[in-house]
Amino acid sequence: LRVLICRVRGAKAIEALAQRDRLRQR
């Protein structure tokens, strides 16, 4: 759901999601 919502919202939302998830990876 969180990925789907970000895709609907557009590229900026996907980029923000990727940044948050990258922090979790770190």
mmCIF file of all heavy atoms, coordinates in Angstrom:
data_MODEL
# 
_entry.id   MODEL 
# 
loop_
_atom_site.group_PDB 
_atom_site.id 
_atom_site.type_symbol 
_atom_site.label_atom_id 
_atom_site.label_alt_id 
_atom_site.label_comp_id 
_atom_site.label_asym_id 
_atom_site.label_entity_id 
_atom_site.label_seq_id 
_atom_site.pdbx_PDB_ins_code 
_atom_site.Cartn_x 
_atom_site.Cartn_y 
_atom_site.Cartn_z 
_atom_site.occupancy 
_atom_site.B_iso_or_equiv 
_atom_site.pdbx_formal_charge 
_atom_site.auth_seq_id 
_atom_site.auth_comp_id 
_atom_site.auth_asym_id 
_atom_site.auth_atom_id 
_atom_site.pdbx_PDB_model_num 
ATOM 1   N N   . LEU A 1 1  ? 0.812  -1.212 0.000  1.00 0.00 ? 1  LEU A N   1 
ATOM 2   C CA  . LEU A 1 1  ? 0.000  0.000  0.000  1.00 0.00 ? 1  LEU A CA  1 
ATOM 3   C C   . LEU A 1 1  ? 0.849  1.268  0.000  1.00 0.00 ? 1  LEU A C   1 
ATOM 4   O O   . LEU A 1 1  ? 0.552  2.223  -0.726 1.00 0.00 ? 1  LEU A O   1 
ATOM 5   C CB  . LEU A 1 1  ? -0.947 0.001  1.197  1.00 0.00 ? 1  LEU A CB  1 
ATOM 6   C CG  . LEU A 1 1  ? -2.153 -0.936 1.090  1.00 0.00 ? 1  LEU A CG  1 
ATOM 7   C CD1 . LEU A 1 1  ? -2.932 -0.954 2.402  1.00 0.00 ? 1  LEU A CD1 1 
ATOM 8   C CD2 . LEU A 1 1  ? -3.061 -0.537 -0.066 1.00 0.00 ? 1  LEU A CD2 1 
ATOM 9   N N   . ARG A 1 2  ? 1.928  1.269  0.793  1.00 0.00 ? 2  ARG A N   1 
ATOM 10  C CA  . ARG A 1 2  ? 2.737  2.493  0.855  1.00 0.00 ? 2  ARG A CA  1 
ATOM 11  C C   . ARG A 1 2  ? 3.441  2.766  -0.475 1.00 0.00 ? 2  ARG A C   1 
ATOM 12  O O   . ARG A 1 2  ? 3.552  3.914  -0.897 1.00 0.00 ? 2  ARG A O   1 
ATOM 13  C CB  . ARG A 1 2  ? 3.728  2.436  2.034  1.00 0.00 ? 2  ARG A CB  1 
ATOM 14  C CG  . ARG A 1 2  ? 4.831  1.427  1.897  1.00 0.00 ? 2  ARG A CG  1 
ATOM 15  C CD  . ARG A 1 2  ? 5.522  1.147  3.225  1.00 0.00 ? 2  ARG A CD  1 
ATOM 16  N NE  . ARG A 1 2  ? 6.355  2.260  3.651  1.00 0.00 ? 2  ARG A NE  1 
ATOM 17  C CZ  . ARG A 1 2  ? 7.653  2.334  3.434  1.00 0.00 ? 2  ARG A CZ  1 
ATOM 18  N NH1 . ARG A 1 2  ? 8.277  1.365  2.758  1.00 0.00 ? 2  ARG A NH1 1 
ATOM 19  N NH2 . ARG A 1 2  ? 8.352  3.358  3.865  1.00 0.00 ? 2  ARG A NH2 1 
ATOM 20  N N   . VAL A 1 3  ? 3.881  1.702  -1.152 1.00 0.00 ? 3  VAL A N   1 
ATOM 21  C CA  . VAL A 1 3  ? 4.501  1.898  -2.465 1.00 0.00 ? 3  VAL A CA  1 
ATOM 22  C C   . VAL A 1 3  ? 3.453  2.347  -3.488 1.00 0.00 ? 3  VAL A C   1 
ATOM 23  O O   . VAL A 1 3  ? 3.700  3.252  -4.297 1.00 0.00 ? 3  VAL A O   1 
ATOM 24  C CB  . VAL A 1 3  ? 5.205  0.610  -2.935 1.00 0.00 ? 3  VAL A CB  1 
ATOM 25  C CG1 . VAL A 1 3  ? 5.724  0.781  -4.364 1.00 0.00 ? 3  VAL A CG1 1 
ATOM 26  C CG2 . VAL A 1 3  ? 6.367  0.260  -2.004 1.00 0.00 ? 3  VAL A CG2 1 
ATOM 27  N N   . LEU A 1 4  ? 2.286  1.721  -3.435 1.00 0.00 ? 4  LEU A N   1 
ATOM 28  C CA  . LEU A 1 4  ? 1.224  2.067  -4.374 1.00 0.00 ? 4  LEU A CA  1 
ATOM 29  C C   . LEU A 1 4  ? 0.802  3.525  -4.221 1.00 0.00 ? 4  LEU A C   1 
ATOM 30  O O   . LEU A 1 4  ? 0.636  4.253  -5.214 1.00 0.00 ? 4  LEU A O   1 
ATOM 31  C CB  . LEU A 1 4  ? 0.024  1.148  -4.147 1.00 0.00 ? 4  LEU A CB  1 
ATOM 32  C CG  . LEU A 1 4  ? -1.195 1.391  -5.058 1.00 0.00 ? 4  LEU A CG  1 
ATOM 33  C CD1 . LEU A 1 4  ? -0.819 1.158  -6.513 1.00 0.00 ? 4  LEU A CD1 1 
ATOM 34  C CD2 . LEU A 1 4  ? -2.355 0.490  -4.644 1.00 0.00 ? 4  LEU A CD2 1 
ATOM 35  N N   . ILE A 1 5  ? 0.641  3.970  -2.982 1.00 0.00 ? 5  ILE A N   1 
ATOM 36  C CA  . ILE A 1 5  ? 0.240  5.358  -2.722 1.00 0.00 ? 5  ILE A CA  1 
ATOM 37  C C   . ILE A 1 5  ? 1.290  6.325  -3.263 1.00 0.00 ? 5  ILE A C   1 
ATOM 38  O O   . ILE A 1 5  ? 0.960  7.357  -3.880 1.00 0.00 ? 5  ILE A O   1 
ATOM 39  C CB  . ILE A 1 5  ? 0.004  5.577  -1.215 1.00 0.00 ? 5  ILE A CB  1 
ATOM 40  C CG1 . ILE A 1 5  ? -1.249 4.819  -0.769 1.00 0.00 ? 5  ILE A CG1 1 
ATOM 41  C CG2 . ILE A 1 5  ? -0.139 7.062  -0.891 1.00 0.00 ? 5  ILE A CG2 1 
ATOM 42  C CD1 . ILE A 1 5  ? -1.426 4.768  0.733  1.00 0.00 ? 5  ILE A CD1 1 
ATOM 43  N N   . CYS A 1 6  ? 2.549  6.006  -3.059 1.00 0.00 ? 6  CYS A N   1 
ATOM 44  C CA  . CYS A 1 6  ? 3.621  6.884  -3.548 1.00 0.00 ? 6  CYS A CA  1 
ATOM 45  C C   . CYS A 1 6  ? 3.660  6.924  -5.073 1.00 0.00 ? 6  CYS A C   1 
ATOM 46  O O   . CYS A 1 6  ? 3.925  7.974  -5.666 1.00 0.00 ? 6  CYS A O   1 
ATOM 47  C CB  . CYS A 1 6  ? 4.970  6.431  -2.994 1.00 0.00 ? 6  CYS A CB  1 
ATOM 48  S SG  . CYS A 1 6  ? 5.181  6.760  -1.231 1.00 0.00 ? 6  CYS A SG  1 
ATOM 49  N N   . ARG A 1 7  ? 3.385  5.811  -5.722 1.00 0.00 ? 7  ARG A N   1 
ATOM 50  C CA  . ARG A 1 7  ? 3.348  5.815  -7.185 1.00 0.00 ? 7  ARG A CA  1 
ATOM 51  C C   . ARG A 1 7  ? 2.226  6.702  -7.699 1.00 0.00 ? 7  ARG A C   1 
ATOM 52  O O   . ARG A 1 7  ? 2.389  7.424  -8.697 1.00 0.00 ? 7  ARG A O   1 
ATOM 53  C CB  . ARG A 1 7  ? 3.172  4.385  -7.698 1.00 0.00 ? 7  ARG A CB  1 
ATOM 54  C CG  . ARG A 1 7  ? 4.440  3.551  -7.649 1.00 0.00 ? 7  ARG A CG  1 
ATOM 55  C CD  . ARG A 1 7  ? 4.212  2.200  -8.259 1.00 0.00 ? 7  ARG A CD  1 
ATOM 56  N NE  . ARG A 1 7  ? 5.376  1.350  -8.093 1.00 0.00 ? 7  ARG A NE  1 
ATOM 57  C CZ  . ARG A 1 7  ? 5.347  0.029  -8.225 1.00 0.00 ? 7  ARG A CZ  1 
ATOM 58  N NH1 . ARG A 1 7  ? 4.208  -0.577 -8.494 1.00 0.00 ? 7  ARG A NH1 1 
ATOM 59  N NH2 . ARG A 1 7  ? 6.451  -0.673 -8.070 1.00 0.00 ? 7  ARG A NH2 1 
ATOM 60  N N   . VAL A 1 8  ? 1.081  6.638  -7.046 1.00 0.00 ? 8  VAL A N   1 
ATOM 61  C CA  . VAL A 1 8  ? -0.044 7.480  -7.450 1.00 0.00 ? 8  VAL A CA  1 
ATOM 62  C C   . VAL A 1 8  ? 0.298  8.948  -7.273 1.00 0.00 ? 8  VAL A C   1 
ATOM 63  O O   . VAL A 1 8  ? -0.067 9.798  -8.098 1.00 0.00 ? 8  VAL A O   1 
ATOM 64  C CB  . VAL A 1 8  ? -1.302 7.105  -6.638 1.00 0.00 ? 8  VAL A CB  1 
ATOM 65  C CG1 . VAL A 1 8  ? -2.424 8.111  -6.889 1.00 0.00 ? 8  VAL A CG1 1 
ATOM 66  C CG2 . VAL A 1 8  ? -1.762 5.694  -6.990 1.00 0.00 ? 8  VAL A CG2 1 
ATOM 67  N N   . ARG A 1 9  ? 1.019  9.255  -6.226 1.00 0.00 ? 9  ARG A N   1 
ATOM 68  C CA  . ARG A 1 9  ? 1.363  10.650 -5.926 1.00 0.00 ? 9  ARG A CA  1 
ATOM 69  C C   . ARG A 1 9  ? 2.457  11.185 -6.845 1.00 0.00 ? 9  ARG A C   1 
ATOM 70  O O   . ARG A 1 9  ? 2.596  12.411 -6.981 1.00 0.00 ? 9  ARG A O   1 
ATOM 71  C CB  . ARG A 1 9  ? 1.770  10.777 -4.467 1.00 0.00 ? 9  ARG A CB  1 
ATOM 72  C CG  . ARG A 1 9  ? 0.630  10.512 -3.484 1.00 0.00 ? 9  ARG A CG  1 
ATOM 73  C CD  . ARG A 1 9  ? 1.100  10.562 -2.067 1.00 0.00 ? 9  ARG A CD  1 
ATOM 74  N NE  . ARG A 1 9  ? 1.610  11.894 -1.720 1.00 0.00 ? 9  ARG A NE  1 
ATOM 75  C CZ  . ARG A 1 9  ? 2.231  12.173 -0.576 1.00 0.00 ? 9  ARG A CZ  1 
ATOM 76  N NH1 . ARG A 1 9  ? 2.436  11.214 0.310  1.00 0.00 ? 9  ARG A NH1 1 
ATOM 77  N NH2 . ARG A 1 9  ? 2.662  13.392 -0.343 1.00 0.00 ? 9  ARG A NH2 1 
ATOM 78  N N   . GLY A 1 10 ? 3.281  10.307 -7.419 1.00 0.00 ? 10 GLY A N   1 
ATOM 79  C CA  . GLY A 1 10 ? 4.256  10.769 -8.394 1.00 0.00 ? 10 GLY A CA  1 
ATOM 80  C C   . GLY A 1 10 ? 5.705  10.549 -7.998 1.00 0.00 ? 10 GLY A C   1 
ATOM 81  O O   . GLY A 1 10 ? 6.024  9.974  -6.951 1.00 0.00 ? 10 GLY A O   1 
ATOM 82  N N   . ALA A 1 11 ? 6.604  11.046 -8.870 1.00 0.00 ? 11 ALA A N   1 
ATOM 83  C CA  . ALA A 1 11 ? 8.039  10.778 -8.743 1.00 0.00 ? 11 ALA A CA  1 
ATOM 84  C C   . ALA A 1 11 ? 8.628  11.322 -7.444 1.00 0.00 ? 11 ALA A C   1 
ATOM 85  O O   . ALA A 1 11 ? 9.497  10.694 -6.842 1.00 0.00 ? 11 ALA A O   1 
ATOM 86  C CB  . ALA A 1 11 ? 8.786  11.363 -9.937 1.00 0.00 ? 11 ALA A CB  1 
ATOM 87  N N   . LYS A 1 12 ? 8.180  12.498 -7.009 1.00 0.00 ? 12 LYS A N   1 
ATOM 88  C CA  . LYS A 1 12 ? 8.720  13.075 -5.779 1.00 0.00 ? 12 LYS A CA  1 
ATOM 89  C C   . LYS A 1 12 ? 8.387  12.223 -4.565 1.00 0.00 ? 12 LYS A C   1 
ATOM 90  O O   . LYS A 1 12 ? 9.202  12.074 -3.645 1.00 0.00 ? 12 LYS A O   1 
ATOM 91  C CB  . LYS A 1 12 ? 8.213  14.497 -5.592 1.00 0.00 ? 12 LYS A CB  1 
ATOM 92  C CG  . LYS A 1 12 ? 8.800  15.513 -6.564 1.00 0.00 ? 12 LYS A CG  1 
ATOM 93  C CD  . LYS A 1 12 ? 8.373  16.930 -6.223 1.00 0.00 ? 12 LYS A CD  1 
ATOM 94  C CE  . LYS A 1 12 ? 9.026  17.940 -7.169 1.00 0.00 ? 12 LYS A CE  1 
ATOM 95  N NZ  . LYS A 1 12 ? 8.606  19.345 -6.850 1.00 0.00 ? 12 LYS A NZ  1 
ATOM 96  N N   . ALA A 1 13 ? 7.196  11.651 -4.544 1.00 0.00 ? 13 ALA A N   1 
ATOM 97  C CA  . ALA A 1 13 ? 6.803  10.781 -3.436 1.00 0.00 ? 13 ALA A CA  1 
ATOM 98  C C   . ALA A 1 13 ? 7.637  9.507  -3.427 1.00 0.00 ? 13 ALA A C   1 
ATOM 99  O O   . ALA A 1 13 ? 8.052  9.024  -2.366 1.00 0.00 ? 13 ALA A O   1 
ATOM 100 C CB  . ALA A 1 13 ? 5.318  10.447 -3.524 1.00 0.00 ? 13 ALA A CB  1 
ATOM 101 N N   . ILE A 1 14 ? 7.896  8.959  -4.610 1.00 0.00 ? 14 ILE A N   1 
ATOM 102 C CA  . ILE A 1 14 ? 8.750  7.762  -4.704 1.00 0.00 ? 14 ILE A CA  1 
ATOM 103 C C   . ILE A 1 14 ? 10.156 8.072  -4.223 1.00 0.00 ? 14 ILE A C   1 
ATOM 104 O O   . ILE A 1 14 ? 10.778 7.285  -3.501 1.00 0.00 ? 14 ILE A O   1 
ATOM 105 C CB  . ILE A 1 14 ? 8.778  7.241  -6.159 1.00 0.00 ? 14 ILE A CB  1 
ATOM 106 C CG1 . ILE A 1 14 ? 7.444  6.585  -6.510 1.00 0.00 ? 14 ILE A CG1 1 
ATOM 107 C CG2 . ILE A 1 14 ? 9.926  6.262  -6.367 1.00 0.00 ? 14 ILE A CG2 1 
ATOM 108 C CD1 . ILE A 1 14 ? 7.198  5.260  -5.822 1.00 0.00 ? 14 ILE A CD1 1 
ATOM 109 N N   . GLU A 1 15 ? 10.668 9.225  -4.613 1.00 0.00 ? 15 GLU A N   1 
ATOM 110 C CA  . GLU A 1 15 ? 12.013 9.624  -4.184 1.00 0.00 ? 15 GLU A CA  1 
ATOM 111 C C   . GLU A 1 15 ? 12.078 9.783  -2.667 1.00 0.00 ? 15 GLU A C   1 
ATOM 112 O O   . GLU A 1 15 ? 13.042 9.344  -2.031 1.00 0.00 ? 15 GLU A O   1 
ATOM 113 C CB  . GLU A 1 15 ? 12.405 10.931 -4.862 1.00 0.00 ? 15 GLU A CB  1 
ATOM 114 C CG  . GLU A 1 15 ? 13.829 11.379 -4.550 1.00 0.00 ? 15 GLU A CG  1 
ATOM 115 C CD  . GLU A 1 15 ? 14.211 12.648 -5.269 1.00 0.00 ? 15 GLU A CD  1 
ATOM 116 O OE1 . GLU A 1 15 ? 13.443 13.107 -6.150 1.00 0.00 ? 15 GLU A OE1 1 
ATOM 117 O OE2 . GLU A 1 15 ? 15.287 13.199 -4.955 1.00 0.00 ? 15 GLU A OE2 1 
ATOM 118 N N   . ALA A 1 16 ? 11.057 10.390 -2.074 1.00 0.00 ? 16 ALA A N   1 
ATOM 119 C CA  . ALA A 1 16 ? 11.022 10.551 -0.621 1.00 0.00 ? 16 ALA A CA  1 
ATOM 120 C C   . ALA A 1 16 ? 10.936 9.200  0.080  1.00 0.00 ? 16 ALA A C   1 
ATOM 121 O O   . ALA A 1 16 ? 11.586 8.970  1.112  1.00 0.00 ? 16 ALA A O   1 
ATOM 122 C CB  . ALA A 1 16 ? 9.842  11.430 -0.221 1.00 0.00 ? 16 ALA A CB  1 
ATOM 123 N N   . LEU A 1 17 ? 10.157 8.271  -0.487 1.00 0.00 ? 17 LEU A N   1 
ATOM 124 C CA  . LEU A 1 17 ? 10.050 6.922  0.069  1.00 0.00 ? 17 LEU A CA  1 
ATOM 125 C C   . LEU A 1 17 ? 11.403 6.216  0.018  1.00 0.00 ? 17 LEU A C   1 
ATOM 126 O O   . LEU A 1 17 ? 11.823 5.569  0.995  1.00 0.00 ? 17 LEU A O   1 
ATOM 127 C CB  . LEU A 1 17 ? 9.010  6.128  -0.712 1.00 0.00 ? 17 LEU A CB  1 
ATOM 128 C CG  . LEU A 1 17 ? 8.863  4.650  -0.326 1.00 0.00 ? 17 LEU A CG  1 
ATOM 129 C CD1 . LEU A 1 17 ? 8.358  4.503  1.100  1.00 0.00 ? 17 LEU A CD1 1 
ATOM 130 C CD2 . LEU A 1 17 ? 7.937  3.929  -1.314 1.00 0.00 ? 17 LEU A CD2 1 
ATOM 131 N N   . ALA A 1 18 ? 12.080 6.350  -1.108 1.00 0.00 ? 18 ALA A N   1 
ATOM 132 C CA  . ALA A 1 18 ? 13.388 5.717  -1.255 1.00 0.00 ? 18 ALA A CA  1 
ATOM 133 C C   . ALA A 1 18 ? 14.382 6.274  -0.238 1.00 0.00 ? 18 ALA A C   1 
ATOM 134 O O   . ALA A 1 18 ? 15.192 5.526  0.327  1.00 0.00 ? 18 ALA A O   1 
ATOM 135 C CB  . ALA A 1 18 ? 13.912 5.923  -2.672 1.00 0.00 ? 18 ALA A CB  1 
ATOM 136 N N   . GLN A 1 19 ? 14.339 7.553  0.020  1.00 0.00 ? 19 GLN A N   1 
ATOM 137 C CA  . GLN A 1 19 ? 15.248 8.158  1.000  1.00 0.00 ? 19 GLN A CA  1 
ATOM 138 C C   . GLN A 1 19 ? 14.966 7.647  2.413  1.00 0.00 ? 19 GLN A C   1 
ATOM 139 O O   . GLN A 1 19 ? 15.886 7.358  3.178  1.00 0.00 ? 19 GLN A O   1 
ATOM 140 C CB  . GLN A 1 19 ? 15.124 9.681  0.948  1.00 0.00 ? 19 GLN A CB  1 
ATOM 141 C CG  . GLN A 1 19 ? 15.689 10.296 -0.325 1.00 0.00 ? 19 GLN A CG  1 
ATOM 142 C CD  . GLN A 1 19 ? 15.429 11.792 -0.420 1.00 0.00 ? 19 GLN A CD  1 
ATOM 143 O OE1 . GLN A 1 19 ? 14.708 12.373 0.398  1.00 0.00 ? 19 GLN A OE1 1 
ATOM 144 N NE2 . GLN A 1 19 ? 16.012 12.429 -1.428 1.00 0.00 ? 19 GLN A NE2 1 
ATOM 145 N N   . ARG A 1 20 ? 13.669 7.543  2.774  1.00 0.00 ? 20 ARG A N   1 
ATOM 146 C CA  . ARG A 1 20 ? 13.322 7.021  4.102  1.00 0.00 ? 20 ARG A CA  1 
ATOM 147 C C   . ARG A 1 20 ? 13.758 5.569  4.255  1.00 0.00 ? 20 ARG A C   1 
ATOM 148 O O   . ARG A 1 20 ? 14.310 5.177  5.294  1.00 0.00 ? 20 ARG A O   1 
ATOM 149 C CB  . ARG A 1 20 ? 11.815 7.143  4.329  1.00 0.00 ? 20 ARG A CB  1 
ATOM 150 C CG  . ARG A 1 20 ? 11.308 8.565  4.490  1.00 0.00 ? 20 ARG A CG  1 
ATOM 151 C CD  . ARG A 1 20 ? 9.902  8.584  5.063  1.00 0.00 ? 20 ARG A CD  1 
ATOM 152 N NE  . ARG A 1 20 ? 8.939  7.916  4.184  1.00 0.00 ? 20 ARG A NE  1 
ATOM 153 C CZ  . ARG A 1 20 ? 8.267  8.503  3.205  1.00 0.00 ? 20 ARG A CZ  1 
ATOM 154 N NH1 . ARG A 1 20 ? 8.472  9.797  2.943  1.00 0.00 ? 20 ARG A NH1 1 
ATOM 155 N NH2 . ARG A 1 20 ? 7.394  7.834  2.472  1.00 0.00 ? 20 ARG A NH2 1 
ATOM 156 N N   . ASP A 1 21 ? 13.530 4.771  3.220  1.00 0.00 ? 21 ASP A N   1 
ATOM 157 C CA  . ASP A 1 21 ? 13.900 3.362  3.302  1.00 0.00 ? 21 ASP A CA  1 
ATOM 158 C C   . ASP A 1 21 ? 15.411 3.176  3.281  1.00 0.00 ? 21 ASP A C   1 
ATOM 159 O O   . ASP A 1 21 ? 15.942 2.227  3.871  1.00 0.00 ? 21 ASP A O   1 
ATOM 160 C CB  . ASP A 1 21 ? 13.252 2.585  2.154  1.00 0.00 ? 21 ASP A CB  1 
ATOM 161 C CG  . ASP A 1 21 ? 11.768 2.347  2.392  1.00 0.00 ? 21 ASP A CG  1 
ATOM 162 O OD1 . ASP A 1 21 ? 11.284 2.693  3.482  1.00 0.00 ? 21 ASP A OD1 1 
ATOM 163 O OD2 . ASP A 1 21 ? 11.099 1.814  1.484  1.00 0.00 ? 21 ASP A OD2 1 
ATOM 164 N N   . ARG A 1 22 ? 16.109 4.091  2.602  1.00 0.00 ? 22 ARG A N   1 
ATOM 165 C CA  . ARG A 1 22 ? 17.575 4.010  2.602  1.00 0.00 ? 22 ARG A CA  1 
ATOM 166 C C   . ARG A 1 22 ? 18.118 4.249  4.003  1.00 0.00 ? 22 ARG A C   1 
ATOM 167 O O   . ARG A 1 22 ? 19.095 3.611  4.417  1.00 0.00 ? 22 ARG A O   1 
ATOM 168 C CB  . ARG A 1 22 ? 18.149 5.043  1.635  1.00 0.00 ? 22 ARG A CB  1 
ATOM 169 C CG  . ARG A 1 22 ? 19.664 4.973  1.450  1.00 0.00 ? 22 ARG A CG  1 
ATOM 170 C CD  . ARG A 1 22 ? 20.092 3.614  0.958  1.00 0.00 ? 22 ARG A CD  1 
ATOM 171 N NE  . ARG A 1 22 ? 21.438 3.620  0.406  1.00 0.00 ? 22 ARG A NE  1 
ATOM 172 C CZ  . ARG A 1 22 ? 22.049 2.548  -0.079 1.00 0.00 ? 22 ARG A CZ  1 
ATOM 173 N NH1 . ARG A 1 22 ? 21.425 1.382  -0.054 1.00 0.00 ? 22 ARG A NH1 1 
ATOM 174 N NH2 . ARG A 1 22 ? 23.266 2.623  -0.587 1.00 0.00 ? 22 ARG A NH2 1 
ATOM 175 N N   . LEU A 1 23 ? 17.496 5.132  4.750  1.00 0.00 ? 23 LEU A N   1 
ATOM 176 C CA  . LEU A 1 23 ? 17.902 5.367  6.130  1.00 0.00 ? 23 LEU A CA  1 
ATOM 177 C C   . LEU A 1 23 ? 17.743 4.100  6.961  1.00 0.00 ? 23 LEU A C   1 
ATOM 178 O O   . LEU A 1 23 ? 18.606 3.783  7.784  1.00 0.00 ? 23 LEU A O   1 
ATOM 179 C CB  . LEU A 1 23 ? 17.075 6.508  6.719  1.00 0.00 ? 23 LEU A CB  1 
ATOM 180 C CG  . LEU A 1 23 ? 17.351 6.852  8.191  1.00 0.00 ? 23 LEU A CG  1 
ATOM 181 C CD1 . LEU A 1 23 ? 18.808 7.267  8.390  1.00 0.00 ? 23 LEU A CD1 1 
ATOM 182 C CD2 . LEU A 1 23 ? 16.410 7.944  8.664  1.00 0.00 ? 23 LEU A CD2 1 
ATOM 183 N N   . ARG A 1 24 ? 16.677 3.369  6.732  1.00 0.00 ? 24 ARG A N   1 
ATOM 184 C CA  . ARG A 1 24 ? 16.485 2.106  7.451  1.00 0.00 ? 24 ARG A CA  1 
ATOM 185 C C   . ARG A 1 24 ? 17.578 1.101  7.088  1.00 0.00 ? 24 ARG A C   1 
ATOM 186 O O   . ARG A 1 24 ? 18.051 0.340  7.941  1.00 0.00 ? 24 ARG A O   1 
ATOM 187 C CB  . ARG A 1 24 ? 15.106 1.518  7.125  1.00 0.00 ? 24 ARG A CB  1 
ATOM 188 C CG  . ARG A 1 24 ? 13.936 2.342  7.664  1.00 0.00 ? 24 ARG A CG  1 
ATOM 189 C CD  . ARG A 1 24 ? 12.620 1.593  7.472  1.00 0.00 ? 24 ARG A CD  1 
ATOM 190 N NE  . ARG A 1 24 ? 11.511 2.344  8.011  1.00 0.00 ? 24 ARG A NE  1 
ATOM 191 C CZ  . ARG A 1 24 ? 10.747 3.169  7.307  1.00 0.00 ? 24 ARG A CZ  1 
ATOM 192 N NH1 . ARG A 1 24 ? 10.997 3.351  6.003  1.00 0.00 ? 24 ARG A NH1 1 
ATOM 193 N NH2 . ARG A 1 24 ? 9.749  3.801  7.868  1.00 0.00 ? 24 ARG A NH2 1 
ATOM 194 N N   . GLN A 1 25 ? 17.972 1.090  5.826  1.00 0.00 ? 25 GLN A N   1 
ATOM 195 C CA  . GLN A 1 25 ? 19.052 0.185  5.414  1.00 0.00 ? 25 GLN A CA  1 
ATOM 196 C C   . GLN A 1 25 ? 20.365 0.549  6.105  1.00 0.00 ? 25 GLN A C   1 
ATOM 197 O O   . GLN A 1 25 ? 21.122 -0.335 6.527  1.00 0.00 ? 25 GLN A O   1 
ATOM 198 C CB  . GLN A 1 25 ? 19.211 0.243  3.895  1.00 0.00 ? 25 GLN A CB  1 
ATOM 199 C CG  . GLN A 1 25 ? 18.050 -0.362 3.139  1.00 0.00 ? 25 GLN A CG  1 
ATOM 200 C CD  . GLN A 1 25 ? 18.178 -0.202 1.642  1.00 0.00 ? 25 GLN A CD  1 
ATOM 201 O OE1 . GLN A 1 25 ? 19.012 0.562  1.142  1.00 0.00 ? 25 GLN A OE1 1 
ATOM 202 N NE2 . GLN A 1 25 ? 17.343 -0.902 0.887  1.00 0.00 ? 25 GLN A NE2 1 
ATOM 203 N N   . ARG A 1 26 ? 20.630 1.859  6.212  1.00 0.00 ? 26 ARG A N   1 
ATOM 204 C CA  . ARG A 1 26 ? 21.844 2.298  6.888  1.00 0.00 ? 26 ARG A CA  1 
ATOM 205 C C   . ARG A 1 26 ? 21.829 1.893  8.362  1.00 0.00 ? 26 ARG A C   1 
ATOM 206 O O   . ARG A 1 26 ? 22.833 1.434  8.909  1.00 0.00 ? 26 ARG A O   1 
ATOM 207 C CB  . ARG A 1 26 ? 21.995 3.811  6.745  1.00 0.00 ? 26 ARG A CB  1 
ATOM 208 C CG  . ARG A 1 26 ? 23.329 4.343  7.287  1.00 0.00 ? 26 ARG A CG  1 
ATOM 209 C CD  . ARG A 1 26 ? 23.439 5.855  7.118  1.00 0.00 ? 26 ARG A CD  1 
ATOM 210 N NE  . ARG A 1 26 ? 23.334 6.246  5.725  1.00 0.00 ? 26 ARG A NE  1 
ATOM 211 C CZ  . ARG A 1 26 ? 22.370 6.986  5.216  1.00 0.00 ? 26 ARG A CZ  1 
ATOM 212 N NH1 . ARG A 1 26 ? 21.395 7.449  5.987  1.00 0.00 ? 26 ARG A NH1 1 
ATOM 213 N NH2 . ARG A 1 26 ? 22.353 7.304  3.939  1.00 0.00 ? 26 ARG A NH2 1 
# 
